[in-house]
Amino acid sequence: MTATEYLKSHRAIVIEAYEEAEGSPKATWENLIRVLPDIGERMKFNTFKTYMGRIVDVSESKEREVLDQGVTPSAESQAMLNEAIKERDSAKDEAIGHLVELHRVKEEHVALCRQCYTLMEELSRIRKERDELQARLETLEVTPSRDNEPGTIPKRFEGWTVQQNAADRKIRLFRRIGGKLLTIYAGVKWEPEKVLVRIQEKLSRMV
């Protein structure tokens, strides 16, 4: 199908786009791209600009002729007009559907980007904490304090809540990271150095 035939087959849509653009070829072209996505594959803007005037002139000439002569359009002409209107409305609905879908995809993309940014911040914080614990283990420099004394069970240790079950004497550490509650089993005897190792191992599995 040639460029002329393509424009003639969508005459009603072309005329409407032309009227909405108030006769501007560029604006008419942009309007048509929204309702006829394949027009850009069939012709360049300069080609469209050349043929647009002919399509519009012929349409306006026929309209004036009907008005001047008081001629009622034939059934065939009316059917063609109705079909053109139907095609135009269908193209508009399809274009609106594409815009709605595009907006939805953009919103999902923004939400995923925000979630990714939050997770990256959390990951960076976990890595930093892991590296700090690793450094302490390598240098064996456990800060002397009552919390670090073997056998003395603190309520908190390195940001973790420490609890001992009264029945079985088992010690567990709890901490919520990234919305998830983490648990570490520390045995039945409080040994700070071993607990640090288990914390480091737990954090390493998360990165």
N, C-alpha and C. Protein backbone atom coordinates (compact mmCIF):
# COMPACT_ATOMS: atom_id res chain seq x y z
N MET A 1 0.85 -1.20 0.00
CA MET A 1 0.00 0.00 0.00
C MET A 1 0.89 1.25 0.00
N THR A 2 0.64 2.14 -0.95
CA THR A 2 1.44 3.36 -1.05
C THR A 2 1.05 4.33 0.06
N ALA A 3 1.85 5.39 0.19
CA ALA A 3 1.57 6.39 1.21
C ALA A 3 0.23 7.05 0.97
N THR A 4 -0.07 7.34 -0.30
CA THR A 4 -1.34 7.98 -0.64
C THR A 4 -2.51 7.08 -0.30
N GLU A 5 -2.40 5.82 -0.66
CA GLU A 5 -3.47 4.86 -0.38
C GLU A 5 -3.67 4.70 1.14
N TYR A 6 -2.58 4.69 1.87
CA TYR A 6 -2.66 4.56 3.32
C TYR A 6 -3.40 5.75 3.92
N LEU A 7 -3.06 6.95 3.47
CA LEU A 7 -3.72 8.15 4.00
C LEU A 7 -5.19 8.20 3.60
N LYS A 8 -5.49 7.77 2.36
CA LYS A 8 -6.89 7.76 1.92
C LYS A 8 -7.70 6.77 2.73
N SER A 9 -7.09 5.63 3.08
CA SER A 9 -7.82 4.61 3.84
C SER A 9 -8.10 5.07 5.27
N HIS A 10 -7.35 6.08 5.72
CA HIS A 10 -7.57 6.64 7.06
C HIS A 10 -7.93 8.13 6.95
N ARG A 11 -8.66 8.47 5.89
CA ARG A 11 -8.97 9.88 5.63
C ARG A 11 -9.64 10.56 6.82
N ALA A 12 -10.64 9.90 7.41
CA ALA A 12 -11.38 10.53 8.51
C ALA A 12 -10.46 10.84 9.69
N ILE A 13 -9.56 9.91 9.98
CA ILE A 13 -8.63 10.12 11.11
C ILE A 13 -7.66 11.25 10.79
N VAL A 14 -7.20 11.30 9.54
CA VAL A 14 -6.28 12.36 9.13
C VAL A 14 -6.95 13.72 9.25
N ILE A 15 -8.21 13.82 8.79
CA ILE A 15 -8.94 15.09 8.83
C ILE A 15 -9.14 15.53 10.28
N GLU A 16 -9.51 14.59 11.14
CA GLU A 16 -9.73 14.95 12.54
C GLU A 16 -8.42 15.43 13.19
N ALA A 17 -7.32 14.72 12.92
CA ALA A 17 -6.03 15.12 13.48
C ALA A 17 -5.63 16.50 12.97
N TYR A 18 -5.94 16.76 11.68
CA TYR A 18 -5.63 18.06 11.07
C TYR A 18 -6.42 19.17 11.75
N GLU A 19 -7.70 18.91 12.03
CA GLU A 19 -8.55 19.93 12.66
C GLU A 19 -8.12 20.17 14.10
N GLU A 20 -7.77 19.10 14.82
CA GLU A 20 -7.32 19.27 16.20
C GLU A 20 -6.01 20.05 16.26
N ALA A 21 -5.18 19.90 15.24
CA ALA A 21 -3.89 20.59 15.19
C ALA A 21 -4.03 21.99 14.59
N GLU A 22 -5.27 22.37 14.25
CA GLU A 22 -5.53 23.69 13.67
C GLU A 22 -4.70 23.95 12.42
N GLY A 23 -4.53 22.89 11.62
CA GLY A 23 -3.86 23.04 10.34
C GLY A 23 -2.35 22.92 10.38
N SER A 24 -1.77 22.69 11.55
CA SER A 24 -0.31 22.57 11.65
C SER A 24 0.13 21.18 11.21
N PRO A 25 0.96 21.08 10.15
CA PRO A 25 1.42 19.76 9.67
C PRO A 25 2.16 18.97 10.76
N LYS A 26 3.03 19.65 11.50
CA LYS A 26 3.82 18.96 12.52
C LYS A 26 2.92 18.41 13.62
N ALA A 27 1.99 19.25 14.10
CA ALA A 27 1.09 18.82 15.15
C ALA A 27 0.15 17.72 14.66
N THR A 28 -0.25 17.83 13.38
CA THR A 28 -1.10 16.78 12.80
C THR A 28 -0.36 15.46 12.78
N TRP A 29 0.90 15.49 12.38
CA TRP A 29 1.74 14.29 12.33
C TRP A 29 1.87 13.67 13.73
N GLU A 30 2.09 14.49 14.73
CA GLU A 30 2.23 13.99 16.09
C GLU A 30 0.92 13.38 16.59
N ASN A 31 -0.21 14.00 16.22
CA ASN A 31 -1.51 13.44 16.60
C ASN A 31 -1.73 12.08 15.96
N LEU A 32 -1.34 11.95 14.69
CA LEU A 32 -1.54 10.70 13.97
C LEU A 32 -0.66 9.58 14.52
N ILE A 33 0.55 9.91 14.94
CA ILE A 33 1.45 8.89 15.50
C ILE A 33 0.84 8.25 16.74
N ARG A 34 0.05 9.03 17.50
CA ARG A 34 -0.56 8.49 18.71
C ARG A 34 -1.69 7.52 18.39
N VAL A 35 -2.44 7.78 17.30
CA VAL A 35 -3.58 6.92 16.98
C VAL A 35 -3.27 5.92 15.87
N LEU A 36 -2.23 6.20 15.07
CA LEU A 36 -1.82 5.28 14.01
C LEU A 36 -0.31 4.99 14.18
N PRO A 37 0.03 4.12 15.13
CA PRO A 37 1.45 3.88 15.46
C PRO A 37 2.30 3.44 14.27
N ASP A 38 1.68 2.81 13.25
CA ASP A 38 2.48 2.30 12.13
C ASP A 38 2.71 3.32 11.03
N ILE A 39 2.18 4.53 11.17
CA ILE A 39 2.33 5.52 10.10
C ILE A 39 3.79 5.91 9.91
N GLY A 40 4.54 5.91 11.03
CA GLY A 40 5.96 6.25 10.94
C GLY A 40 6.78 5.22 10.17
N GLU A 41 6.26 3.97 10.10
CA GLU A 41 6.97 2.93 9.35
C GLU A 41 6.64 2.99 7.86
N ARG A 42 5.53 3.63 7.52
CA ARG A 42 5.07 3.67 6.13
C ARG A 42 5.54 4.90 5.37
N MET A 43 5.85 5.97 6.12
CA MET A 43 6.28 7.19 5.43
C MET A 43 7.01 8.11 6.39
N LYS A 44 7.79 9.01 5.83
CA LYS A 44 8.47 10.03 6.61
C LYS A 44 7.56 11.24 6.75
N PHE A 45 7.94 12.13 7.66
CA PHE A 45 7.12 13.32 7.89
C PHE A 45 7.01 14.18 6.63
N ASN A 46 8.12 14.33 5.91
CA ASN A 46 8.08 15.17 4.70
C ASN A 46 7.13 14.59 3.66
N THR A 47 7.10 13.25 3.55
CA THR A 47 6.16 12.62 2.61
C THR A 47 4.73 12.89 3.05
N PHE A 48 4.47 12.73 4.33
CA PHE A 48 3.14 13.00 4.85
C PHE A 48 2.73 14.45 4.59
N LYS A 49 3.68 15.36 4.83
CA LYS A 49 3.39 16.78 4.67
C LYS A 49 2.98 17.09 3.22
N THR A 50 3.63 16.39 2.27
CA THR A 50 3.33 16.60 0.86
C THR A 50 1.91 16.16 0.51
N TYR A 51 1.50 15.00 1.01
CA TYR A 51 0.19 14.42 0.66
C TYR A 51 -0.94 14.93 1.54
N MET A 52 -0.61 15.45 2.73
CA MET A 52 -1.65 15.89 3.65
C MET A 52 -2.54 16.95 3.03
N GLY A 53 -1.90 17.91 2.37
CA GLY A 53 -2.66 19.00 1.76
C GLY A 53 -3.67 18.49 0.76
N ARG A 54 -3.29 17.49 -0.02
CA ARG A 54 -4.20 16.95 -1.03
C ARG A 54 -5.39 16.26 -0.37
N ILE A 55 -5.11 15.48 0.68
CA ILE A 55 -6.18 14.78 1.37
C ILE A 55 -7.16 15.78 1.98
N VAL A 56 -6.64 16.80 2.63
CA VAL A 56 -7.48 17.81 3.28
C VAL A 56 -8.25 18.61 2.24
N ASP A 57 -7.58 19.02 1.15
CA ASP A 57 -8.25 19.80 0.11
C ASP A 57 -9.39 19.03 -0.51
N VAL A 58 -9.16 17.75 -0.80
CA VAL A 58 -10.20 16.93 -1.41
C VAL A 58 -11.37 16.78 -0.45
N SER A 59 -11.09 16.55 0.82
CA SER A 59 -12.15 16.38 1.81
C SER A 59 -12.98 17.65 1.95
N GLU A 60 -12.30 18.80 2.06
CA GLU A 60 -13.02 20.07 2.21
C GLU A 60 -13.80 20.41 0.95
N SER A 61 -13.24 20.06 -0.19
CA SER A 61 -13.93 20.34 -1.45
C SER A 61 -15.22 19.54 -1.54
N LYS A 62 -15.16 18.26 -1.16
CA LYS A 62 -16.36 17.43 -1.21
C LYS A 62 -17.40 17.92 -0.21
N GLU A 63 -16.93 18.33 0.97
CA GLU A 63 -17.86 18.82 1.99
C GLU A 63 -18.57 20.07 1.51
N ARG A 64 -17.83 21.00 0.89
CA ARG A 64 -18.45 22.22 0.37
C ARG A 64 -19.45 21.89 -0.73
N GLU A 65 -19.09 20.91 -1.54
CA GLU A 65 -19.97 20.54 -2.64
C GLU A 65 -21.29 20.01 -2.11
N VAL A 66 -21.23 19.20 -1.09
CA VAL A 66 -22.46 18.64 -0.52
C VAL A 66 -23.30 19.73 0.12
N LEU A 67 -22.63 20.65 0.84
CA LEU A 67 -23.36 21.72 1.50
C LEU A 67 -23.97 22.70 0.49
N ASP A 68 -23.20 23.03 -0.54
CA ASP A 68 -23.68 23.99 -1.53
C ASP A 68 -24.85 23.43 -2.33
N GLN A 69 -24.79 22.16 -2.65
CA GLN A 69 -25.81 21.57 -3.50
C GLN A 69 -26.95 20.95 -2.71
N GLY A 70 -26.78 20.88 -1.39
CA GLY A 70 -27.81 20.28 -0.57
C GLY A 70 -27.99 18.81 -0.88
N VAL A 71 -26.90 18.15 -1.26
CA VAL A 71 -26.97 16.75 -1.65
C VAL A 71 -26.84 15.86 -0.41
N THR A 72 -27.72 14.92 -0.30
CA THR A 72 -27.65 13.96 0.81
C THR A 72 -26.69 12.85 0.44
N PRO A 73 -25.72 12.55 1.28
CA PRO A 73 -24.76 11.48 0.97
C PRO A 73 -25.48 10.17 0.69
N SER A 74 -24.94 9.43 -0.26
CA SER A 74 -25.52 8.13 -0.61
C SER A 74 -25.33 7.15 0.53
N ALA A 75 -26.06 6.04 0.46
CA ALA A 75 -25.95 5.01 1.49
C ALA A 75 -24.53 4.46 1.55
N GLU A 76 -23.92 4.34 0.37
CA GLU A 76 -22.56 3.82 0.32
C GLU A 76 -21.59 4.79 0.97
N SER A 77 -21.78 6.10 0.68
CA SER A 77 -20.90 7.11 1.27
C SER A 77 -21.07 7.17 2.79
N GLN A 78 -22.36 7.08 3.19
CA GLN A 78 -22.62 7.12 4.62
C GLN A 78 -22.02 5.92 5.33
N ALA A 79 -22.08 4.75 4.67
CA ALA A 79 -21.50 3.53 5.25
C ALA A 79 -19.99 3.68 5.38
N MET A 80 -19.35 4.27 4.36
CA MET A 80 -17.91 4.48 4.40
C MET A 80 -17.54 5.44 5.53
N LEU A 81 -18.39 6.50 5.66
CA LEU A 81 -18.14 7.48 6.72
C LEU A 81 -18.26 6.83 8.10
N ASN A 82 -19.31 6.03 8.27
CA ASN A 82 -19.52 5.35 9.55
C ASN A 82 -18.36 4.40 9.87
N GLU A 83 -17.88 3.72 8.83
CA GLU A 83 -16.77 2.80 9.02
C GLU A 83 -15.50 3.56 9.42
N ALA A 84 -15.31 4.73 8.78
CA ALA A 84 -14.14 5.56 9.10
C ALA A 84 -14.21 6.05 10.55
N ILE A 85 -15.43 6.45 10.96
CA ILE A 85 -15.61 6.92 12.34
C ILE A 85 -15.36 5.79 13.33
N LYS A 86 -15.87 4.61 12.97
CA LYS A 86 -15.68 3.44 13.82
C LYS A 86 -14.20 3.11 13.95
N GLU A 87 -13.49 3.18 12.83
CA GLU A 87 -12.05 2.89 12.83
C GLU A 87 -11.30 3.91 13.67
N ARG A 88 -11.71 5.17 13.53
CA ARG A 88 -11.06 6.23 14.31
C ARG A 88 -11.26 6.01 15.81
N ASP A 89 -12.52 5.72 16.21
CA ASP A 89 -12.82 5.52 17.62
C ASP A 89 -12.07 4.31 18.18
N SER A 90 -11.97 3.25 17.35
CA SER A 90 -11.26 2.05 17.78
C SER A 90 -9.78 2.35 17.98
N ALA A 91 -9.22 3.15 17.05
CA ALA A 91 -7.81 3.52 17.16
C ALA A 91 -7.57 4.37 18.41
N LYS A 92 -8.52 5.25 18.71
CA LYS A 92 -8.39 6.09 19.90
C LYS A 92 -8.42 5.24 21.17
N ASP A 93 -9.37 4.29 21.22
CA ASP A 93 -9.47 3.42 22.40
C ASP A 93 -8.20 2.60 22.59
N GLU A 94 -7.65 2.12 21.47
CA GLU A 94 -6.43 1.33 21.54
C GLU A 94 -5.27 2.17 22.05
N ALA A 95 -5.20 3.43 21.55
CA ALA A 95 -4.12 4.32 21.98
C ALA A 95 -4.24 4.63 23.48
N ILE A 96 -5.48 4.84 23.94
CA ILE A 96 -5.70 5.12 25.36
C ILE A 96 -5.29 3.90 26.20
N GLY A 97 -5.62 2.71 25.68
CA GLY A 97 -5.24 1.48 26.38
C GLY A 97 -3.73 1.36 26.52
N HIS A 98 -3.01 1.72 25.43
CA HIS A 98 -1.55 1.67 25.48
C HIS A 98 -1.00 2.65 26.50
N LEU A 99 -1.61 3.85 26.58
CA LEU A 99 -1.15 4.87 27.52
C LEU A 99 -1.37 4.42 28.96
N VAL A 100 -2.53 3.81 29.22
CA VAL A 100 -2.83 3.32 30.57
C VAL A 100 -1.84 2.24 30.97
N GLU A 101 -1.55 1.32 30.03
CA GLU A 101 -0.60 0.24 30.32
C GLU A 101 0.80 0.80 30.56
N LEU A 102 1.17 1.80 29.75
CA LEU A 102 2.49 2.42 29.91
C LEU A 102 2.61 3.07 31.29
N HIS A 103 1.54 3.74 31.71
CA HIS A 103 1.54 4.40 33.02
C HIS A 103 1.68 3.36 34.14
N ARG A 104 0.98 2.22 34.00
CA ARG A 104 1.06 1.17 35.01
C ARG A 104 2.48 0.60 35.10
N VAL A 105 3.09 0.36 33.93
CA VAL A 105 4.44 -0.18 33.91
C VAL A 105 5.43 0.80 34.54
N LYS A 106 5.25 2.09 34.26
CA LYS A 106 6.13 3.10 34.84
C LYS A 106 6.02 3.11 36.36
N GLU A 107 4.78 3.01 36.88
CA GLU A 107 4.58 3.01 38.33
C GLU A 107 5.25 1.79 38.97
N GLU A 108 5.11 0.63 38.31
CA GLU A 108 5.74 -0.58 38.83
C GLU A 108 7.26 -0.44 38.81
N HIS A 109 7.78 0.18 37.75
CA HIS A 109 9.23 0.37 37.65
C HIS A 109 9.74 1.26 38.78
N VAL A 110 9.01 2.34 39.07
CA VAL A 110 9.41 3.25 40.14
C VAL A 110 9.39 2.53 41.49
N ALA A 111 8.33 1.72 41.72
CA ALA A 111 8.21 0.99 42.99
C ALA A 111 9.36 -0.01 43.15
N LEU A 112 9.71 -0.71 42.06
CA LEU A 112 10.81 -1.68 42.12
C LEU A 112 12.15 -0.99 42.37
N CYS A 113 12.33 0.18 41.75
CA CYS A 113 13.57 0.94 41.96
C CYS A 113 13.71 1.36 43.43
N ARG A 114 12.59 1.80 44.02
CA ARG A 114 12.63 2.20 45.43
C ARG A 114 12.94 1.00 46.32
N GLN A 115 12.31 -0.14 46.01
CA GLN A 115 12.56 -1.35 46.80
C GLN A 115 14.01 -1.80 46.67
N CYS A 116 14.54 -1.72 45.45
CA CYS A 116 15.93 -2.10 45.21
C CYS A 116 16.88 -1.19 45.98
N TYR A 117 16.59 0.11 46.00
CA TYR A 117 17.43 1.07 46.72
C TYR A 117 17.44 0.75 48.22
N THR A 118 16.25 0.43 48.77
CA THR A 118 16.15 0.10 50.19
C THR A 118 16.95 -1.16 50.51
N LEU A 119 16.84 -2.17 49.65
CA LEU A 119 17.56 -3.42 49.87
C LEU A 119 19.08 -3.22 49.76
N MET A 120 19.50 -2.37 48.83
CA MET A 120 20.93 -2.10 48.68
C MET A 120 21.49 -1.40 49.93
N GLU A 121 20.69 -0.48 50.49
CA GLU A 121 21.13 0.18 51.72
C GLU A 121 21.25 -0.82 52.86
N GLU A 122 20.26 -1.72 52.96
CA GLU A 122 20.29 -2.73 54.01
C GLU A 122 21.48 -3.66 53.82
N LEU A 123 21.74 -4.05 52.57
CA LEU A 123 22.87 -4.93 52.28
C LEU A 123 24.19 -4.27 52.64
N SER A 124 24.31 -2.99 52.32
CA SER A 124 25.53 -2.26 52.65
C SER A 124 25.75 -2.20 54.16
N ARG A 125 24.66 -2.00 54.90
CA ARG A 125 24.78 -1.94 56.35
C ARG A 125 25.20 -3.29 56.93
N ILE A 126 24.61 -4.39 56.38
CA ILE A 126 24.95 -5.73 56.86
C ILE A 126 26.41 -6.05 56.57
N ARG A 127 26.87 -5.68 55.36
CA ARG A 127 28.27 -5.94 55.01
C ARG A 127 29.23 -5.18 55.93
N LYS A 128 28.85 -3.95 56.24
CA LYS A 128 29.69 -3.14 57.12
C LYS A 128 29.77 -3.79 58.50
N GLU A 129 28.64 -4.24 59.00
CA GLU A 129 28.62 -4.88 60.32
C GLU A 129 29.41 -6.18 60.30
N ARG A 130 29.28 -6.94 59.20
CA ARG A 130 30.04 -8.19 59.07
C ARG A 130 31.53 -7.93 59.08
N ASP A 131 31.95 -6.89 58.30
CA ASP A 131 33.38 -6.58 58.23
C ASP A 131 33.92 -6.14 59.58
N GLU A 132 33.13 -5.39 60.33
CA GLU A 132 33.57 -4.95 61.65
C GLU A 132 33.76 -6.14 62.58
N LEU A 133 32.81 -7.08 62.52
CA LEU A 133 32.93 -8.28 63.35
C LEU A 133 34.13 -9.12 62.93
N GLN A 134 34.37 -9.21 61.61
CA GLN A 134 35.51 -9.97 61.11
C GLN A 134 36.82 -9.37 61.59
N ALA A 135 36.88 -8.03 61.59
CA ALA A 135 38.09 -7.35 62.04
C ALA A 135 38.35 -7.65 63.53
N ARG A 136 37.28 -7.68 64.30
CA ARG A 136 37.45 -7.96 65.73
C ARG A 136 37.93 -9.39 65.95
N LEU A 137 37.41 -10.31 65.13
CA LEU A 137 37.81 -11.70 65.27
C LEU A 137 39.28 -11.89 64.89
N GLU A 138 39.71 -11.20 63.83
CA GLU A 138 41.08 -11.37 63.34
C GLU A 138 42.09 -10.83 64.34
N THR A 139 41.77 -9.75 64.98
CA THR A 139 42.70 -9.14 65.94
C THR A 139 42.51 -9.68 67.35
N LEU A 140 41.44 -10.45 67.54
CA LEU A 140 41.12 -11.01 68.86
C LEU A 140 41.05 -9.94 69.93
N GLU A 141 40.50 -8.81 69.53
CA GLU A 141 40.40 -7.69 70.47
C GLU A 141 38.94 -7.55 70.91
N VAL A 142 38.51 -8.42 71.75
CA VAL A 142 37.17 -8.33 72.32
C VAL A 142 37.21 -7.34 73.47
N THR A 143 36.42 -6.31 73.40
CA THR A 143 36.45 -5.26 74.41
C THR A 143 36.11 -5.81 75.79
N PRO A 144 37.01 -5.64 76.74
CA PRO A 144 36.73 -6.16 78.09
C PRO A 144 35.51 -5.46 78.68
N SER A 145 34.56 -6.21 79.07
CA SER A 145 33.39 -5.67 79.72
C SER A 145 32.63 -6.83 80.34
N ARG A 146 31.70 -6.51 81.16
CA ARG A 146 30.91 -7.57 81.81
C ARG A 146 30.16 -8.40 80.77
N ASP A 147 29.75 -7.76 79.66
CA ASP A 147 29.03 -8.47 78.61
C ASP A 147 29.91 -9.51 77.93
N ASN A 148 31.23 -9.27 77.93
CA ASN A 148 32.15 -10.17 77.23
C ASN A 148 32.81 -11.20 78.14
N GLU A 149 32.44 -11.19 79.39
CA GLU A 149 33.02 -12.15 80.32
C GLU A 149 32.35 -13.51 80.13
N PRO A 150 33.13 -14.57 79.95
CA PRO A 150 32.55 -15.91 79.82
C PRO A 150 31.65 -16.22 81.01
N GLY A 151 30.51 -16.77 80.75
CA GLY A 151 29.59 -17.16 81.81
C GLY A 151 28.60 -16.08 82.18
N THR A 152 28.92 -14.82 81.90
CA THR A 152 27.99 -13.73 82.19
C THR A 152 27.13 -13.46 80.96
N ILE A 153 25.86 -13.68 81.07
CA ILE A 153 24.96 -13.54 79.91
C ILE A 153 24.34 -12.14 79.90
N PRO A 154 24.68 -11.33 78.90
CA PRO A 154 24.13 -9.97 78.83
C PRO A 154 22.72 -9.98 78.23
N LYS A 155 22.03 -8.88 78.38
CA LYS A 155 20.71 -8.77 77.77
C LYS A 155 20.82 -8.43 76.28
N ARG A 156 21.90 -7.70 75.93
CA ARG A 156 22.14 -7.36 74.53
C ARG A 156 23.62 -7.55 74.22
N PHE A 157 23.89 -7.96 72.96
CA PHE A 157 25.28 -8.20 72.56
C PHE A 157 25.42 -7.87 71.08
N GLU A 158 26.26 -6.87 70.76
CA GLU A 158 26.51 -6.46 69.38
C GLU A 158 25.22 -6.15 68.61
N GLY A 159 24.28 -5.54 69.32
CA GLY A 159 23.03 -5.16 68.66
C GLY A 159 21.98 -6.26 68.66
N TRP A 160 22.28 -7.42 69.26
CA TRP A 160 21.35 -8.56 69.30
C TRP A 160 20.77 -8.70 70.70
N THR A 161 19.52 -9.09 70.78
CA THR A 161 18.88 -9.37 72.07
C THR A 161 19.23 -10.80 72.49
N VAL A 162 19.69 -10.95 73.72
CA VAL A 162 20.12 -12.27 74.21
C VAL A 162 19.09 -12.79 75.21
N GLN A 163 18.69 -14.04 75.01
CA GLN A 163 17.74 -14.66 75.93
C GLN A 163 18.19 -16.08 76.24
N GLN A 164 17.97 -16.49 77.49
CA GLN A 164 18.28 -17.87 77.89
C GLN A 164 17.00 -18.52 78.40
N ASN A 165 16.72 -19.70 77.84
CA ASN A 165 15.54 -20.44 78.25
C ASN A 165 15.76 -21.01 79.66
N ALA A 166 14.82 -20.73 80.54
CA ALA A 166 14.97 -21.16 81.93
C ALA A 166 14.91 -22.67 82.07
N ALA A 167 14.21 -23.33 81.15
CA ALA A 167 14.02 -24.78 81.27
C ALA A 167 15.24 -25.56 80.80
N ASP A 168 15.69 -25.30 79.57
CA ASP A 168 16.81 -26.08 79.03
C ASP A 168 18.14 -25.34 79.04
N ARG A 169 18.15 -24.05 79.51
CA ARG A 169 19.37 -23.24 79.65
C ARG A 169 19.99 -22.86 78.31
N LYS A 170 19.28 -23.10 77.20
CA LYS A 170 19.83 -22.77 75.88
C LYS A 170 19.77 -21.25 75.64
N ILE A 171 20.87 -20.75 75.07
CA ILE A 171 20.98 -19.30 74.83
C ILE A 171 20.74 -19.02 73.34
N ARG A 172 19.91 -18.03 73.08
CA ARG A 172 19.62 -17.64 71.70
C ARG A 172 19.69 -16.12 71.57
N LEU A 173 20.10 -15.69 70.37
CA LEU A 173 20.17 -14.26 70.07
C LEU A 173 19.11 -13.94 69.01
N PHE A 174 18.50 -12.77 69.16
CA PHE A 174 17.44 -12.36 68.23
C PHE A 174 17.73 -10.95 67.72
N ARG A 175 17.41 -10.76 66.42
CA ARG A 175 17.54 -9.41 65.85
C ARG A 175 16.70 -9.33 64.57
N ARG A 176 16.02 -8.22 64.39
CA ARG A 176 15.21 -8.01 63.18
C ARG A 176 16.01 -7.18 62.18
N ILE A 177 16.23 -7.75 61.00
CA ILE A 177 16.97 -7.08 59.92
C ILE A 177 16.16 -7.16 58.64
N GLY A 178 15.91 -6.00 58.03
CA GLY A 178 15.15 -5.99 56.78
C GLY A 178 13.75 -6.57 56.93
N GLY A 179 13.13 -6.37 58.10
CA GLY A 179 11.78 -6.87 58.32
C GLY A 179 11.72 -8.34 58.67
N LYS A 180 12.86 -9.02 58.77
CA LYS A 180 12.90 -10.45 59.06
C LYS A 180 13.57 -10.68 60.41
N LEU A 181 12.95 -11.51 61.26
CA LEU A 181 13.50 -11.80 62.58
C LEU A 181 14.53 -12.93 62.44
N LEU A 182 15.78 -12.62 62.83
CA LEU A 182 16.86 -13.60 62.75
C LEU A 182 17.12 -14.20 64.13
N THR A 183 17.50 -15.48 64.13
CA THR A 183 17.78 -16.18 65.38
C THR A 183 19.13 -16.90 65.28
N ILE A 184 19.90 -16.83 66.35
CA ILE A 184 21.19 -17.53 66.42
C ILE A 184 21.23 -18.34 67.71
N TYR A 185 21.56 -19.60 67.59
CA TYR A 185 21.72 -20.46 68.77
C TYR A 185 23.15 -20.32 69.29
N ALA A 186 23.29 -20.01 70.57
CA ALA A 186 24.61 -19.75 71.14
C ALA A 186 25.03 -20.81 72.15
N GLY A 187 24.32 -21.91 72.22
CA GLY A 187 24.70 -22.96 73.14
C GLY A 187 24.09 -22.76 74.53
N VAL A 188 24.65 -23.43 75.51
CA VAL A 188 24.16 -23.30 76.89
C VAL A 188 25.17 -22.56 77.78
N LYS A 189 26.34 -22.29 77.22
CA LYS A 189 27.37 -21.56 77.96
C LYS A 189 27.72 -20.30 77.19
N TRP A 190 27.77 -19.17 77.89
CA TRP A 190 28.04 -17.90 77.23
C TRP A 190 29.53 -17.74 76.96
N GLU A 191 29.88 -17.76 75.63
CA GLU A 191 31.26 -17.58 75.19
C GLU A 191 31.27 -16.51 74.11
N PRO A 192 31.61 -15.27 74.47
CA PRO A 192 31.53 -14.13 73.55
C PRO A 192 32.24 -14.34 72.22
N GLU A 193 33.47 -14.92 72.25
CA GLU A 193 34.22 -15.08 71.01
C GLU A 193 33.48 -16.00 70.04
N LYS A 194 32.93 -17.09 70.54
CA LYS A 194 32.19 -18.02 69.69
C LYS A 194 30.89 -17.39 69.18
N VAL A 195 30.29 -16.57 70.02
CA VAL A 195 29.05 -15.89 69.60
C VAL A 195 29.34 -14.92 68.46
N LEU A 196 30.49 -14.21 68.55
CA LEU A 196 30.87 -13.30 67.47
C LEU A 196 31.04 -14.06 66.16
N VAL A 197 31.65 -15.22 66.23
CA VAL A 197 31.84 -16.04 65.02
C VAL A 197 30.49 -16.41 64.42
N ARG A 198 29.55 -16.82 65.26
CA ARG A 198 28.24 -17.23 64.76
C ARG A 198 27.47 -16.05 64.17
N ILE A 199 27.64 -14.88 64.77
CA ILE A 199 27.00 -13.68 64.21
C ILE A 199 27.58 -13.37 62.83
N GLN A 200 28.91 -13.45 62.73
CA GLN A 200 29.58 -13.17 61.46
C GLN A 200 29.14 -14.17 60.38
N GLU A 201 29.02 -15.43 60.76
CA GLU A 201 28.57 -16.45 59.80
C GLU A 201 27.14 -16.20 59.36
N LYS A 202 26.31 -15.80 60.31
CA LYS A 202 24.91 -15.53 59.98
C LYS A 202 24.80 -14.37 59.00
N LEU A 203 25.54 -13.31 59.24
CA LEU A 203 25.49 -12.14 58.36
C LEU A 203 26.10 -12.46 57.00
N SER A 204 27.14 -13.28 56.97
CA SER A 204 27.78 -13.64 55.70
C SER A 204 26.82 -14.37 54.79
N ARG A 205 25.95 -15.18 55.35
CA ARG A 205 24.98 -15.93 54.52
C ARG A 205 23.90 -15.03 53.96
N MET A 206 23.80 -13.81 54.46
CA MET A 206 22.76 -12.89 53.99
C MET A 206 23.23 -12.02 52.84
N VAL A 207 24.52 -11.99 52.54
CA VAL A 207 25.04 -11.10 51.49
C VAL A 207 25.52 -11.91 50.30
